[in-house]
Amino acid sequence: MKLAVIVTTYNRPDALALVLDGYSAQSTHDFALLVADDGSTDDTRRLVVEYGARAPFLVTHVRHEDRGFRAAAIRNRAVAATDADYVVFTDGDCIPSRAFIARHERLAERGWFLAGNRVLLSRAFTARLLAECLPLHAWTRLEWIGAWLRCDVNRLLPFVALPDGGFRKWRPARWQGVKTCNLSVWRDDLERLNGFDESYSGWGLEDSDLVVRLLHAGVKHKSVRFAAPLFHLWHADTDRGALAENRRRLDEVLASDRITALRGLDLHRGGEAGPAGG
């Protein structure tokens, strides 16, 4: 199985640097990584190029111009830039645990998408991580317990690792709470749906729309909780001015059996992107 990781980012190169280091420290390097850049300044490009020159896997920088929050569009552009069979979506402020990719790959199953959760880091702890470039991916269980006792993290339960089993399929129709910071899906399922719907502009619910349409298409929810946690760096709330309109769009999809994105992957056929280190 050919696997790609798509990391969405916007003007936060300090956080992205920690995230990219987390992927270099993965237990497997049998994947390609695409930075899906939603219009960042040149600082992000320089970081990705430098990282791509030393990374143990192919790194590609995919960018479009800054016209506000357009996560759906930049994810589609990144999907169009890879020929991977299986795609893991995440964000540029979410540091992966060391086995994050290996466990997504191990739990992948035809007819199912995988969705996991994240551990939220406090504002003060995030500032310390960014200042000191601490290698979270190498922390021991004891260090995480200490962080929880100091209220640096919001919970410990996601650190419990459980094998595959029937419990992962207990809620096959669940879409609520699924986020693209920890989501993986087969490429042919994405193609069938025409990817993310770029009608969603501004923060919110473009990920829910994708998941609802996956369910409409018969692709079910399998949990990757207790297997592949992420560590989410603190940030201020994003402008949510478009949320009401996005909610209206999602309600229309929920009330229908529609599968295909109105504006999606087909807008990006033949898109160009090159290796970041090239």
Protein backbone atom coordinates (compact mmCIF):
# COMPACT_ATOMS: atom_id res chain seq x y z
CA MET A 1 0.00 0.00 0.00
CA LYS A 2 1.38 3.39 -1.04
CA LEU A 3 0.67 5.89 1.75
CA ALA A 4 0.79 9.70 1.90
CA VAL A 5 0.42 12.10 4.82
CA ILE A 6 -1.16 15.48 4.08
CA VAL A 7 -0.32 18.16 6.67
CA THR A 8 -2.38 21.35 6.41
CA THR A 9 -0.73 24.58 7.57
CA TYR A 10 -1.07 28.35 7.55
CA ASN A 11 1.59 30.82 8.77
CA ARG A 12 2.80 28.86 11.76
CA PRO A 13 6.28 27.63 10.83
CA ASP A 14 7.43 27.22 14.44
CA ALA A 15 4.63 24.73 15.11
CA LEU A 16 5.11 23.07 11.71
CA ALA A 17 8.80 22.49 12.48
CA LEU A 18 7.90 20.42 15.57
CA VAL A 19 5.28 18.51 13.61
CA LEU A 20 7.71 17.68 10.80
CA ASP A 21 10.30 16.50 13.33
CA GLY A 22 7.60 14.18 14.68
CA TYR A 23 7.22 12.58 11.25
CA SER A 24 10.97 12.12 10.89
CA ALA A 25 10.86 10.21 14.19
CA GLN A 26 8.09 7.82 13.09
CA SER A 27 8.62 4.08 13.55
CA THR A 28 8.23 3.72 9.77
CA HIS A 29 9.34 6.02 6.95
CA ASP A 30 7.44 4.20 4.22
CA PHE A 31 5.27 7.16 3.29
CA ALA A 32 5.36 10.46 1.43
CA LEU A 33 4.56 13.74 3.16
CA LEU A 34 2.79 16.69 1.53
CA VAL A 35 2.58 20.08 3.24
CA ALA A 36 -0.76 21.55 2.17
CA ASP A 37 -0.08 25.28 2.57
CA ASP A 38 -3.20 27.49 2.70
CA GLY A 39 -1.32 30.60 1.52
CA SER A 40 1.47 31.08 4.07
CA THR A 41 4.31 33.56 3.67
CA ASP A 42 7.73 32.51 2.39
CA ASP A 43 8.92 31.49 5.87
CA THR A 44 6.89 28.30 5.52
CA ARG A 45 8.24 27.51 2.07
CA ARG A 46 11.84 27.90 3.28
CA LEU A 47 11.17 25.63 6.25
CA VAL A 48 9.64 22.92 4.07
CA VAL A 49 12.44 23.08 1.51
CA GLU A 50 15.09 22.78 4.25
CA TYR A 51 13.24 19.92 5.89
CA GLY A 52 12.66 18.15 2.58
CA ALA A 53 16.40 18.15 1.87
CA ARG A 54 17.10 16.00 4.95
CA ALA A 55 13.87 14.07 5.52
CA PRO A 56 14.00 10.25 5.17
CA PHE A 57 10.99 10.33 2.82
CA LEU A 58 9.71 12.44 -0.07
CA VAL A 59 8.39 15.85 1.01
CA THR A 60 6.25 17.98 -1.32
CA HIS A 61 5.14 21.57 -0.77
CA VAL A 62 1.68 22.28 -2.21
CA ARG A 63 0.51 25.89 -1.92
CA HIS A 64 -2.17 28.22 -3.21
CA GLU A 65 -2.54 31.96 -2.72
CA ASP A 66 -3.91 33.39 0.51
CA ARG A 67 -7.60 34.13 0.02
CA GLY A 68 -8.79 33.34 3.52
CA PHE A 69 -9.41 29.94 5.13
CA ARG A 70 -9.64 27.42 2.27
CA ALA A 71 -8.67 24.13 3.89
CA ALA A 72 -10.91 22.07 1.61
CA ALA A 73 -9.26 23.48 -1.52
CA ILE A 74 -5.67 23.02 -0.38
CA ARG A 75 -6.34 19.46 0.78
CA ASN A 76 -7.82 18.65 -2.62
CA ARG A 77 -4.80 20.19 -4.32
CA ALA A 78 -2.51 18.02 -2.20
CA VAL A 79 -4.50 14.86 -2.94
CA ALA A 80 -4.23 15.66 -6.66
CA ALA A 81 -0.44 15.98 -6.26
CA THR A 82 0.04 12.41 -4.98
CA ASP A 83 -0.74 8.98 -6.41
CA ALA A 84 -0.92 7.32 -2.98
CA ASP A 85 -3.43 4.53 -2.42
CA TYR A 86 -4.16 5.67 1.12
CA VAL A 87 -4.13 9.18 2.59
CA VAL A 88 -3.70 10.30 6.21
CA PHE A 89 -4.93 13.84 6.89
CA THR A 90 -3.60 15.90 9.78
CA ASP A 91 -2.76 19.50 10.72
CA GLY A 92 0.42 21.54 11.05
CA ASP A 93 -0.16 22.11 14.77
CA CYS A 94 -0.62 18.42 15.68
CA ILE A 95 2.54 16.51 16.65
CA PRO A 96 2.23 12.76 15.94
CA SER A 97 2.97 10.03 18.44
CA ARG A 98 5.85 7.84 17.27
CA ALA A 99 3.67 4.99 15.93
CA PHE A 100 1.01 7.30 14.45
CA ILE A 101 1.59 6.33 10.80
CA ALA A 102 2.29 2.64 11.47
CA ARG A 103 -0.98 2.26 13.36
CA HIS A 104 -3.06 4.05 10.73
CA GLU A 105 -1.52 1.73 8.16
CA ARG A 106 -2.08 -1.38 10.28
CA LEU A 107 -5.73 -0.56 11.02
CA ALA A 108 -6.66 0.50 7.47
CA GLU A 109 -9.41 -1.66 6.02
CA ARG A 110 -11.40 -1.53 2.79
CA GLY A 111 -14.89 -0.12 3.27
CA TRP A 112 -13.88 1.91 6.33
CA PHE A 113 -12.26 5.26 7.10
CA LEU A 114 -10.22 5.74 10.26
CA ALA A 115 -10.78 8.58 12.73
CA GLY A 116 -8.82 9.31 15.89
CA ASN A 117 -8.46 11.95 18.57
CA ARG A 118 -5.92 14.36 20.01
CA VAL A 119 -4.44 15.47 23.31
CA LEU A 120 -4.80 19.22 23.88
CA LEU A 121 -1.74 21.06 25.20
CA SER A 122 -2.02 24.13 27.41
CA ARG A 123 -1.06 27.61 26.28
CA ALA A 124 1.94 27.79 28.63
CA PHE A 125 3.16 24.29 27.72
CA THR A 126 2.84 25.07 24.01
CA ALA A 127 4.92 28.23 24.45
CA ARG A 128 7.62 26.19 26.21
CA LEU A 129 7.62 23.51 23.50
CA LEU A 130 8.04 26.10 20.76
CA ALA A 131 10.76 27.96 22.65
CA GLU A 132 12.78 24.85 23.55
CA CYS A 133 11.87 22.59 20.57
CA LEU A 134 11.14 19.71 22.92
CA PRO A 135 10.88 16.25 21.25
CA LEU A 136 7.41 15.21 22.43
CA HIS A 137 7.48 12.12 20.24
CA ALA A 138 10.29 10.74 22.45
CA TRP A 139 8.60 11.33 25.81
CA THR A 140 8.06 8.41 28.16
CA ARG A 141 4.75 7.52 29.79
CA LEU A 142 6.14 8.86 33.09
CA GLU A 143 6.90 12.25 31.51
CA TRP A 144 3.33 12.44 30.17
CA ILE A 145 1.91 11.63 33.59
CA GLY A 146 3.98 14.50 34.98
CA ALA A 147 2.64 16.81 32.26
CA TRP A 148 -0.93 15.82 33.14
CA LEU A 149 -0.33 16.46 36.86
CA ARG A 150 0.94 19.94 35.95
CA CYS A 151 -2.17 20.50 33.77
CA ASP A 152 0.03 20.80 30.68
CA VAL A 153 -2.23 18.29 28.86
CA ASN A 154 -5.98 17.78 29.16
CA ARG A 155 -6.09 13.97 29.45
CA LEU A 156 -4.09 10.75 29.66
CA LEU A 157 -6.58 8.17 28.36
CA PRO A 158 -5.54 8.54 24.68
CA PHE A 159 -2.08 7.25 25.65
CA VAL A 160 -3.55 3.81 26.37
CA ALA A 161 -2.71 1.59 23.36
CA LEU A 162 -5.19 -1.13 22.38
CA PRO A 163 -4.96 -3.60 19.47
CA ASP A 164 -7.46 -3.96 16.66
CA GLY A 165 -10.79 -5.46 17.64
CA GLY A 166 -14.54 -5.32 17.24
CA PHE A 167 -14.82 -2.33 19.55
CA ARG A 168 -13.30 -0.15 16.82
CA LYS A 169 -16.45 -0.65 14.73
CA TRP A 170 -19.04 -0.03 17.45
CA ARG A 171 -20.19 3.28 15.93
CA PRO A 172 -19.91 2.79 12.15
CA ALA A 173 -22.29 5.67 11.28
CA ARG A 174 -20.75 8.29 13.57
CA TRP A 175 -19.70 11.55 11.95
CA GLN A 176 -19.95 13.87 14.95
CA GLY A 177 -16.57 14.84 16.34
CA VAL A 178 -14.52 13.44 13.45
CA LYS A 179 -11.77 15.90 12.53
CA THR A 180 -9.25 16.03 9.72
CA CYS A 181 -6.39 16.42 12.19
CA ASN A 182 -6.59 12.61 12.63
CA LEU A 183 -8.37 11.01 9.68
CA SER A 184 -7.34 8.51 7.04
CA VAL A 185 -9.16 7.24 3.96
CA TRP A 186 -8.61 5.21 0.81
CA ARG A 187 -7.84 7.31 -2.23
CA ASP A 188 -10.43 5.61 -4.43
CA ASP A 189 -13.10 6.54 -1.88
CA LEU A 190 -11.92 10.15 -2.05
CA GLU A 191 -12.06 10.01 -5.84
CA ARG A 192 -15.59 8.62 -5.74
CA LEU A 193 -16.67 11.56 -3.55
CA ASN A 194 -14.78 14.17 -5.61
CA GLY A 195 -12.79 14.95 -2.46
CA PHE A 196 -13.52 17.82 -0.08
CA ASP A 197 -16.25 20.28 -1.03
CA GLU A 198 -14.66 23.66 -1.72
CA SER A 199 -18.06 25.33 -1.41
CA TYR A 200 -17.09 25.53 2.27
CA SER A 201 -15.06 28.72 2.62
CA GLY A 202 -14.02 29.99 6.04
CA TRP A 203 -13.50 27.92 9.15
CA GLY A 204 -15.71 24.99 9.99
CA LEU A 205 -17.46 21.77 8.99
CA GLU A 206 -15.75 20.97 5.67
CA ASP A 207 -14.39 17.88 7.44
CA SER A 208 -17.87 16.90 8.70
CA ASP A 209 -19.20 17.28 5.15
CA LEU A 210 -16.58 14.83 3.83
CA VAL A 211 -17.36 12.28 6.54
CA VAL A 212 -21.13 12.49 6.02
CA ARG A 213 -20.67 11.89 2.29
CA LEU A 214 -18.36 8.94 3.02
CA LEU A 215 -21.16 7.44 5.11
CA HIS A 216 -23.66 8.09 2.33
CA ALA A 217 -21.33 6.18 0.00
CA GLY A 218 -21.29 3.18 2.34
CA VAL A 219 -17.81 3.83 3.81
CA LYS A 220 -18.05 3.30 7.56
CA HIS A 221 -16.34 4.82 10.60
CA LYS A 222 -13.62 2.75 12.29
CA SER A 223 -11.98 4.22 15.39
CA VAL A 224 -8.23 4.65 15.69
CA ARG A 225 -8.55 5.93 19.26
CA PHE A 226 -6.26 4.17 21.74
CA ALA A 227 -3.79 3.60 18.93
CA ALA A 228 -2.68 6.82 17.19
CA PRO A 229 -2.94 9.96 19.35
CA LEU A 230 -1.75 13.42 18.34
CA PHE A 231 -0.56 16.30 20.51
CA HIS A 232 -2.40 19.48 19.59
CA LEU A 233 -0.49 22.72 20.16
CA TRP A 234 -2.54 25.54 21.67
CA HIS A 235 -3.70 28.40 19.45
CA ALA A 236 -6.24 31.21 19.69
CA ASP A 237 -9.67 30.55 18.22
CA THR A 238 -9.96 30.97 14.45
CA ASP A 239 -12.44 33.48 13.04
CA ARG A 240 -15.78 31.65 12.83
CA GLY A 241 -17.71 34.21 10.81
CA ALA A 242 -18.53 31.66 8.10
CA LEU A 243 -19.77 28.98 10.48
CA ALA A 244 -23.50 29.70 10.10
CA GLU A 245 -23.34 29.42 6.30
CA ASN A 246 -21.21 26.28 6.53
CA ARG A 247 -23.71 24.80 8.98
CA ARG A 248 -26.49 25.43 6.46
CA ARG A 249 -24.50 23.59 3.80
CA LEU A 250 -23.87 20.65 6.12
CA ASP A 251 -27.57 20.45 7.09
CA GLU A 252 -28.43 20.17 3.38
CA VAL A 253 -25.99 17.27 2.98
CA LEU A 254 -27.31 15.55 6.11
CA ALA A 255 -30.87 15.79 4.76
CA SER A 256 -29.85 14.26 1.42
CA ASP A 257 -28.10 11.16 0.14
CA ARG A 258 -25.57 13.17 -1.86
CA ILE A 259 -22.11 11.69 -2.25
CA THR A 260 -20.25 14.01 -4.62
CA ALA A 261 -18.65 17.35 -3.71
CA LEU A 262 -20.14 20.26 -5.65
CA ARG A 263 -16.68 21.76 -6.13
CA GLY A 264 -13.94 19.25 -5.51
CA LEU A 265 -10.98 17.22 -6.73
CA ASP A 266 -11.96 17.59 -10.37
CA LEU A 267 -10.87 21.25 -10.18
CA HIS A 268 -7.26 20.18 -9.62
CA ARG A 269 -6.53 17.58 -12.27
CA GLY A 270 -3.05 18.07 -13.65
CA GLY A 271 -2.01 20.34 -10.76
CA GLU A 272 1.71 20.92 -10.39
CA ALA A 273 3.79 20.35 -7.28
CA GLY A 274 7.38 19.32 -6.83
CA PRO A 275 9.60 17.83 -4.15
CA ALA A 276 10.32 20.38 -1.42
CA GLY A 277 14.00 19.61 -1.41
CA GLY A 278 14.38 19.90 -5.16
